[in-house]
C-alpha atoms as a PDB file:
ATOM      1  CA  MET A   1      -5.847  15.967  -3.212  1.00  0.00           C
ATOM      2  CA  GLN A   2      -3.236  13.194  -3.286  1.00  0.00           C
ATOM      3  CA  LYS A   3      -3.746  10.539  -0.633  1.00  0.00           C
ATOM      4  CA  SER A   4      -0.904  10.149   1.850  1.00  0.00           C
ATOM      5  CA  TYR A   5       0.340   6.668   2.776  1.00  0.00           C
ATOM      6  CA  ALA A   6       2.246   5.571   5.847  1.00  0.00           C
ATOM      7  CA  ARG A   7       5.458   4.867   3.943  1.00  0.00           C
ATOM      8  CA  LEU A   8       7.083   6.053   0.724  1.00  0.00           C
ATOM      9  CA  LEU A   9       9.504   3.659  -0.986  1.00  0.00           C
ATOM     10  CA  GLY A  10      11.906   5.146  -3.525  1.00  0.00           C
ATOM     11  CA  ILE A  11      13.057   2.976  -6.450  1.00  0.00           C
ATOM     12  CA  VAL A  12      16.553   4.133  -7.384  1.00  0.00           C
ATOM     13  CA  GLY A  13      19.560   3.203  -9.488  1.00  0.00           C
ATOM     14  CA  LYS A  14      21.402   4.195 -12.653  1.00  0.00           C
ATOM     15  CA  PRO A  15      19.489   4.515 -15.949  1.00  0.00           C
ATOM     16  CA  ASN A  16      18.285   1.500 -17.940  1.00  0.00           C
ATOM     17  CA  VAL A  17      18.404  -1.217 -15.267  1.00  0.00           C
ATOM     18  CA  GLY A  18      14.703  -2.049 -14.874  1.00  0.00           C
ATOM     19  CA  LYS A  19      13.476   0.410 -12.251  1.00  0.00           C
ATOM     20  CA  SER A  20      10.242   1.150 -14.100  1.00  0.00           C
ATOM     21  CA  THR A  21       9.723  -2.557 -14.808  1.00  0.00           C
ATOM     22  CA  PHE A  22       9.965  -3.281 -11.077  1.00  0.00           C
ATOM     23  CA  PHE A  23       7.676  -0.334 -10.330  1.00  0.00           C
ATOM     24  CA  SER A  24       5.012  -1.595 -12.743  1.00  0.00           C
ATOM     25  CA  ALA A  25       5.222  -5.134 -11.349  1.00  0.00           C
ATOM     26  CA  ALA A  26       4.942  -3.927  -7.741  1.00  0.00           C
ATOM     27  CA  THR A  27       2.095  -1.473  -8.299  1.00  0.00           C
ATOM     28  CA  LEU A  28       0.363  -2.680 -11.501  1.00  0.00           C
ATOM     29  CA  ALA A  29       0.547   0.972 -12.558  1.00  0.00           C
ATOM     30  CA  PRO A  30       1.553   1.798 -16.144  1.00  0.00           C
ATOM     31  CA  ALA A  31       4.997   3.300 -16.716  1.00  0.00           C
ATOM     32  CA  GLU A  32       6.951   3.894 -19.898  1.00  0.00           C
ATOM     33  CA  ILE A  33       9.502   1.097 -20.299  1.00  0.00           C
ATOM     34  CA  ALA A  34      12.238   1.048 -22.953  1.00  0.00           C
ATOM     35  CA  ASN A  35      15.766  -0.263 -23.440  1.00  0.00           C
ATOM     36  CA  TYR A  36      17.586   3.081 -23.333  1.00  0.00           C
ATOM     37  CA  PRO A  37      18.733   5.532 -20.634  1.00  0.00           C
ATOM     38  CA  PHE A  38      16.430   8.198 -19.186  1.00  0.00           C
ATOM     39  CA  THR A  39      13.159   6.629 -20.304  1.00  0.00           C
ATOM     40  CA  THR A  40      11.790   8.000 -17.034  1.00  0.00           C
ATOM     41  CA  ILE A  41      11.937  11.789 -16.846  1.00  0.00           C
ATOM     42  CA  LYS A  42       9.154  12.622 -14.420  1.00  0.00           C
ATOM     43  CA  PRO A  43       8.833  10.275 -11.419  1.00  0.00           C
ATOM     44  CA  ASN A  44       6.124   7.611 -11.560  1.00  0.00           C
ATOM     45  CA  ARG A  45       3.989   7.107  -8.462  1.00  0.00           C
ATOM     46  CA  GLY A  46       1.850   4.130  -7.534  1.00  0.00           C
ATOM     47  CA  VAL A  47       0.646   2.002  -4.636  1.00  0.00           C
ATOM     48  CA  GLY A  48       1.729  -1.517  -3.752  1.00  0.00           C
ATOM     49  CA  TYR A  49       0.849  -3.758  -0.818  1.00  0.00           C
ATOM     50  CA  VAL A  50       2.927  -5.403   1.887  1.00  0.00           C
ATOM     51  CA  ARG A  51       1.569  -8.795   2.999  1.00  0.00           C
ATOM     52  CA  THR A  52       1.729  -9.726   6.678  1.00  0.00           C
ATOM     53  CA  PRO A  53      -0.271 -12.068   8.963  1.00  0.00           C
ATOM     54  CA  CYS A  54      -3.215 -10.204  10.482  1.00  0.00           C
ATOM     55  CA  VAL A  55      -3.609 -10.274  14.274  1.00  0.00           C
ATOM     56  CA  CYS A  56      -7.336 -11.000  13.926  1.00  0.00           C
ATOM     57  CA  ARG A  57      -6.656 -14.743  14.006  1.00  0.00           C
ATOM     58  CA  GLU A  58      -4.171 -14.484  16.851  1.00  0.00           C
ATOM     59  CA  PHE A  59      -6.728 -12.675  19.036  1.00  0.00           C
ATOM     60  CA  GLY A  60      -9.772 -14.461  17.627  1.00  0.00           C
ATOM     61  CA  VAL A  61     -11.574 -11.272  16.629  1.00  0.00           C
ATOM     62  CA  LYS A  62     -13.219  -9.884  13.526  1.00  0.00           C
ATOM     63  CA  ASP A  63     -11.312  -6.816  12.442  1.00  0.00           C
ATOM     64  CA  ASN A  64     -12.385  -3.801  10.449  1.00  0.00           C
ATOM     65  CA  PRO A  65      -9.153  -2.058   9.388  1.00  0.00           C
ATOM     66  CA  VAL A  66      -9.424   1.508   8.110  1.00  0.00           C
ATOM     67  CA  ASN A  67      -5.879   1.809   6.755  1.00  0.00           C
ATOM     68  CA  SER A  68      -5.440  -1.569   5.059  1.00  0.00           C
ATOM     69  CA  LEU A  69      -7.276  -4.711   3.937  1.00  0.00           C
ATOM     70  CA  CYS A  70      -7.600  -8.144   5.573  1.00  0.00           C
ATOM     71  CA  LEU A  71      -8.190 -11.163   3.319  1.00  0.00           C
ATOM     72  CA  ASP A  72      -8.355 -14.610   4.926  1.00  0.00           C
ATOM     73  CA  GLY A  73      -6.107 -13.577   7.792  1.00  0.00           C
ATOM     74  CA  ILE A  74      -3.577 -11.783   5.585  1.00  0.00           C
ATOM     75  CA  ARG A  75      -3.268  -8.025   6.035  1.00  0.00           C
ATOM     76  CA  LEU A  76      -2.514  -6.027   2.879  1.00  0.00           C
ATOM     77  CA  ILE A  77      -0.860  -2.779   3.933  1.00  0.00           C
ATOM     78  CA  PRO A  78      -0.650  -0.049   1.269  1.00  0.00           C
ATOM     79  CA  VAL A  79       2.688   1.645   0.654  1.00  0.00           C
ATOM     80  CA  GLU A  80       3.474   4.254  -1.963  1.00  0.00           C
ATOM     81  CA  PHE A  81       6.246   3.743  -4.517  1.00  0.00           C
ATOM     82  CA  ILE A  82       8.081   6.448  -6.420  1.00  0.00           C
ATOM     83  CA  ASP A  83      10.050   5.456  -9.521  1.00  0.00           C
ATOM     84  CA  CYS A  84      12.825   8.032  -9.898  1.00  0.00           C
ATOM     85  CA  ALA A  85      14.825   9.006 -12.964  1.00  0.00           C
ATOM     86  CA  GLY A  86      18.175   7.220 -13.331  1.00  0.00           C
ATOM     87  CA  LEU A  87      21.194   8.541 -11.466  1.00  0.00           C
ATOM     88  CA  VAL A  88      24.526   9.069 -13.263  1.00  0.00           C
ATOM     89  CA  PRO A  89      28.003   9.896 -11.901  1.00  0.00           C
ATOM     90  CA  GLY A  90      28.176  13.569 -10.924  1.00  0.00           C
ATOM     91  CA  ALA A  91      24.455  13.791 -10.137  1.00  0.00           C
ATOM     92  CA  TRP A  92      25.206  15.607  -6.885  1.00  0.00           C
ATOM     93  CA  GLN A  93      26.714  18.370  -9.034  1.00  0.00           C
ATOM     94  CA  GLY A  94      23.544  18.538 -11.135  1.00  0.00           C
ATOM     95  CA  ARG A  95      24.637  16.243 -13.969  1.00  0.00           C
ATOM     96  CA  GLY A  96      21.866  14.434 -15.843  1.00  0.00           C
ATOM     97  CA  LEU A  97      18.630  14.643 -13.881  1.00  0.00           C
ATOM     98  CA  GLY A  98      20.590  14.666 -10.630  1.00  0.00           C
ATOM     99  CA  ASN A  99      18.954  17.606  -8.885  1.00  0.00           C
ATOM    100  CA  GLN A 100      15.461  16.334  -9.662  1.00  0.00           C
ATOM    101  CA  PHE A 101      16.396  12.794  -8.603  1.00  0.00           C
ATOM    102  CA  LEU A 102      17.917  13.814  -5.287  1.00  0.00           C
ATOM    103  CA  ASP A 103      15.041  16.146  -4.481  1.00  0.00           C
ATOM    104  CA  GLU A 104      12.590  13.282  -5.013  1.00  0.00           C
ATOM    105  CA  ILE A 105      14.411  10.623  -2.991  1.00  0.00           C
ATOM    106  CA  ARG A 106      14.780  12.871   0.051  1.00  0.00           C
ATOM    107  CA  LYS A 107      11.055  12.330   0.629  1.00  0.00           C
ATOM    108  CA  ALA A 108      11.373   8.524   0.704  1.00  0.00           C
ATOM    109  CA  ASP A 109      11.458   6.485   3.918  1.00  0.00           C
ATOM    110  CA  VAL A 110      13.262   3.570   2.239  1.00  0.00           C
ATOM    111  CA  LEU A 111      15.301   3.241  -0.964  1.00  0.00           C
ATOM    112  CA  ILE A 112      15.140   0.112  -3.127  1.00  0.00           C
ATOM    113  CA  HIS A 113      18.290   0.035  -5.264  1.00  0.00           C
ATOM    114  CA  ILE A 114      17.784  -1.795  -8.573  1.00  0.00           C
ATOM    115  CA  VAL A 115      21.106  -3.163  -9.872  1.00  0.00           C
ATOM    116  CA  ASP A 116      21.975  -4.838 -13.185  1.00  0.00           C
ATOM    117  CA  ALA A 117      23.681  -7.920 -11.757  1.00  0.00           C
ATOM    118  CA  SER A 118      24.672  -9.105 -15.243  1.00  0.00           C
ATOM    119  CA  GLY A 119      27.106  -6.212 -15.648  1.00  0.00           C
ATOM    120  CA  GLY A 120      25.534  -5.564 -19.051  1.00  0.00           C
ATOM    121  CA  THR A 121      25.126  -1.794 -18.666  1.00  0.00           C
ATOM    122  CA  ASP A 122      27.893   0.718 -17.976  1.00  0.00           C
ATOM    123  CA  SER A 123      27.851   3.444 -15.313  1.00  0.00           C
ATOM    124  CA  GLU A 124      25.728   5.655 -17.589  1.00  0.00           C
ATOM    125  CA  GLY A 125      23.180   2.923 -18.345  1.00  0.00           C
ATOM    126  CA  ARG A 126      24.453   2.240 -21.857  1.00  0.00           C
ATOM    127  CA  ILE A 127      24.350  -1.349 -23.113  1.00  0.00           C
ATOM    128  CA  CYS A 128      27.655  -3.239 -22.992  1.00  0.00           C
ATOM    129  CA  LYS A 129      28.664  -6.892 -23.030  1.00  0.00           C
ATOM    130  CA  PRO A 130      27.495  -8.814 -19.934  1.00  0.00           C
ATOM    131  CA  GLY A 131      30.283  -8.888 -17.365  1.00  0.00           C
ATOM    132  CA  GLU A 132      32.066  -5.800 -18.698  1.00  0.00           C
ATOM    133  CA  HIS A 133      30.773  -3.656 -15.845  1.00  0.00           C
ATOM    134  CA  ASP A 134      31.084  -4.486 -12.133  1.00  0.00           C
ATOM    135  CA  PRO A 135      27.643  -4.201 -10.453  1.00  0.00           C
ATOM    136  CA  VAL A 136      29.324  -3.694  -7.075  1.00  0.00           C
ATOM    137  CA  GLU A 137      30.529  -0.346  -8.412  1.00  0.00           C
ATOM    138  CA  ASP A 138      26.905   0.649  -8.963  1.00  0.00           C
ATOM    139  CA  VAL A 139      26.150   0.115  -5.278  1.00  0.00           C
ATOM    140  CA  LYS A 140      29.191   2.153  -4.219  1.00  0.00           C
ATOM    141  CA  PHE A 141      28.406   4.865  -6.737  1.00  0.00           C
ATOM    142  CA  LEU A 142      24.863   5.442  -5.457  1.00  0.00           C
ATOM    143  CA  GLU A 143      26.068   5.699  -1.863  1.00  0.00           C
ATOM    144  CA  ARG A 144      28.814   8.109  -2.939  1.00  0.00           C
ATOM    145  CA  GLU A 145      26.414  10.360  -4.866  1.00  0.00           C
ATOM    146  CA  ILE A 146      23.997  10.629  -1.945  1.00  0.00           C
ATOM    147  CA  THR A 147      26.861  11.223   0.502  1.00  0.00           C
ATOM    148  CA  MET A 148      28.361  13.988  -1.648  1.00  0.00           C
ATOM    149  CA  TRP A 149      24.949  15.587  -2.102  1.00  0.00           C
ATOM    150  CA  MET A 150      24.406  15.765   1.654  1.00  0.00           C
ATOM    151  CA  ALA A 151      27.977  16.953   2.256  1.00  0.00           C
ATOM    152  CA  ASN A 152      27.493  19.728  -0.293  1.00  0.00           C
ATOM    153  CA  ILE A 153      24.344  20.910   1.489  1.00  0.00           C
ATOM    154  CA  LEU A 154      26.343  21.283   4.716  1.00  0.00           C
ATOM    155  CA  LYS A 155      29.433  22.710   3.010  1.00  0.00           C
ATOM    156  CA  ARG A 156      27.471  25.643   1.589  1.00  0.00           C
ATOM    157  CA  ASP A 157      26.418  26.760   5.083  1.00  0.00           C
ATOM    158  CA  TRP A 158      29.359  25.472   7.121  1.00  0.00           C
ATOM    159  CA  PRO A 159      30.928  28.852   8.075  1.00  0.00           C
ATOM    160  CA  LYS A 160      27.576  29.996   9.491  1.00  0.00           C
ATOM    161  CA  ILE A 161      26.987  26.623  11.169  1.00  0.00           C
ATOM    162  CA  ALA A 162      30.434  26.718  12.808  1.00  0.00           C
ATOM    163  CA  ARG A 163      30.045  30.316  14.026  1.00  0.00           C
ATOM    164  CA  THR A 164      26.643  29.604  15.564  1.00  0.00           C
ATOM    165  CA  ALA A 165      27.896  26.462  17.316  1.00  0.00           C
ATOM    166  CA  GLU A 166      31.069  28.111  18.645  1.00  0.00           C
ATOM    167  CA  SER A 167      29.103  31.117  19.925  1.00  0.00           C
ATOM    168  CA  GLY A 168      27.068  28.790  22.129  1.00  0.00           C
ATOM    169  CA  ALA A 169      23.751  30.061  20.753  1.00  0.00           C
ATOM    170  CA  LYS A 170      22.892  26.497  19.721  1.00  0.00           C
ATOM    171  CA  ASP A 171      24.718  23.207  19.983  1.00  0.00           C
ATOM    172  CA  LEU A 172      26.003  21.599  16.784  1.00  0.00           C
ATOM    173  CA  LEU A 173      23.586  18.665  16.873  1.00  0.00           C
ATOM    174  CA  THR A 174      20.584  21.006  17.034  1.00  0.00           C
ATOM    175  CA  ILE A 175      21.908  23.138  14.165  1.00  0.00           C
ATOM    176  CA  LEU A 176      22.524  20.106  11.959  1.00  0.00           C
ATOM    177  CA  GLU A 177      19.145  18.633  12.857  1.00  0.00           C
ATOM    178  CA  GLU A 178      17.444  21.851  11.722  1.00  0.00           C
ATOM    179  CA  ARG A 179      19.533  22.094   8.544  1.00  0.00           C
ATOM    180  CA  LEU A 180      18.894  18.469   7.532  1.00  0.00           C
ATOM    181  CA  SER A 181      15.266  18.208   8.629  1.00  0.00           C
ATOM    182  CA  GLY A 182      14.096  18.241   4.999  1.00  0.00           C
ATOM    183  CA  LEU A 183      16.074  15.049   4.378  1.00  0.00           C
ATOM    184  CA  ALA A 184      14.247  13.132   7.130  1.00  0.00           C
ATOM    185  CA  ILE A 185      17.508  12.957   9.109  1.00  0.00           C
ATOM    186  CA  LYS A 186      16.896  12.908  12.843  1.00  0.00           C
ATOM    187  CA  ARG A 187      19.034  13.913  15.807  1.00  0.00           C
ATOM    188  CA  VAL A 188      19.885  10.290  16.616  1.00  0.00           C
ATOM    189  CA  HIS A 189      21.348   9.851  13.108  1.00  0.00           C
ATOM    190  CA  ILE A 190      23.496  12.970  13.482  1.00  0.00           C
ATOM    191  CA  PHE A 191      24.690  11.925  16.938  1.00  0.00           C
ATOM    192  CA  GLU A 192      25.732   8.519  15.605  1.00  0.00           C
ATOM    193  CA  ALA A 193      27.545  10.081  12.626  1.00  0.00           C
ATOM    194  CA  VAL A 194      29.504  12.424  14.909  1.00  0.00           C
ATOM    195  CA  ARG A 195      30.350   9.530  17.239  1.00  0.00           C
ATOM    196  CA  ARG A 196      31.574   7.276  14.423  1.00  0.00           C
ATOM    197  CA  THR A 197      33.777   9.939  12.870  1.00  0.00           C
ATOM    198  CA  GLY A 198      35.295  10.900  16.218  1.00  0.00           C
ATOM    199  CA  LEU A 199      34.571  14.592  15.644  1.00  0.00           C
ATOM    200  CA  ASN A 200      34.317  17.112  18.462  1.00  0.00           C
ATOM    201  CA  ALA A 201      30.759  18.437  18.480  1.00  0.00           C
ATOM    202  CA  ASP A 202      31.871  21.410  20.614  1.00  0.00           C
ATOM    203  CA  LYS A 203      34.410  22.645  18.028  1.00  0.00           C
ATOM    204  CA  PRO A 204      33.067  22.197  14.483  1.00  0.00           C
END
């Protein structure tokens, strides 16, 4: 049985930017590393440690942690990393390994976006001259792909969602919370999204 850790950190980004290199450095776990797109097909999983001062010194006690390790007053807290396959434009439509990628990252509590700051790889992860590609576009592209993926999930069921909300059987926030529960999206996130967009939650 696979051990469960308190937090899952997803390592994401387009192909061929060093995601697996970062994963191996953070976890000391082996991962295939090569200078071409889609080296990673199946996600790599490993455990790394977050360092933080332990409260044992602050309270003057000898601790015996069961979920972490204390070395000389430094607490090493285990977190799980998942190294996902590279994301390419159109992933939300299933292009590349998009469906697999998006299904994996929905389980993560935090996403670490690895970006090629040199601009030496294009949007598909192919090698180009440094500076030819704008790395800022990579940040925007990842946000856009995840946004479109979530929007598509809602779009498929929107007629049913709207009918249920307008009938008064359930309020819109509850319906959306249930529909998006698998994405670790909570009611407070949905409420804030509705507030920011200025939408009327009573008339979807």
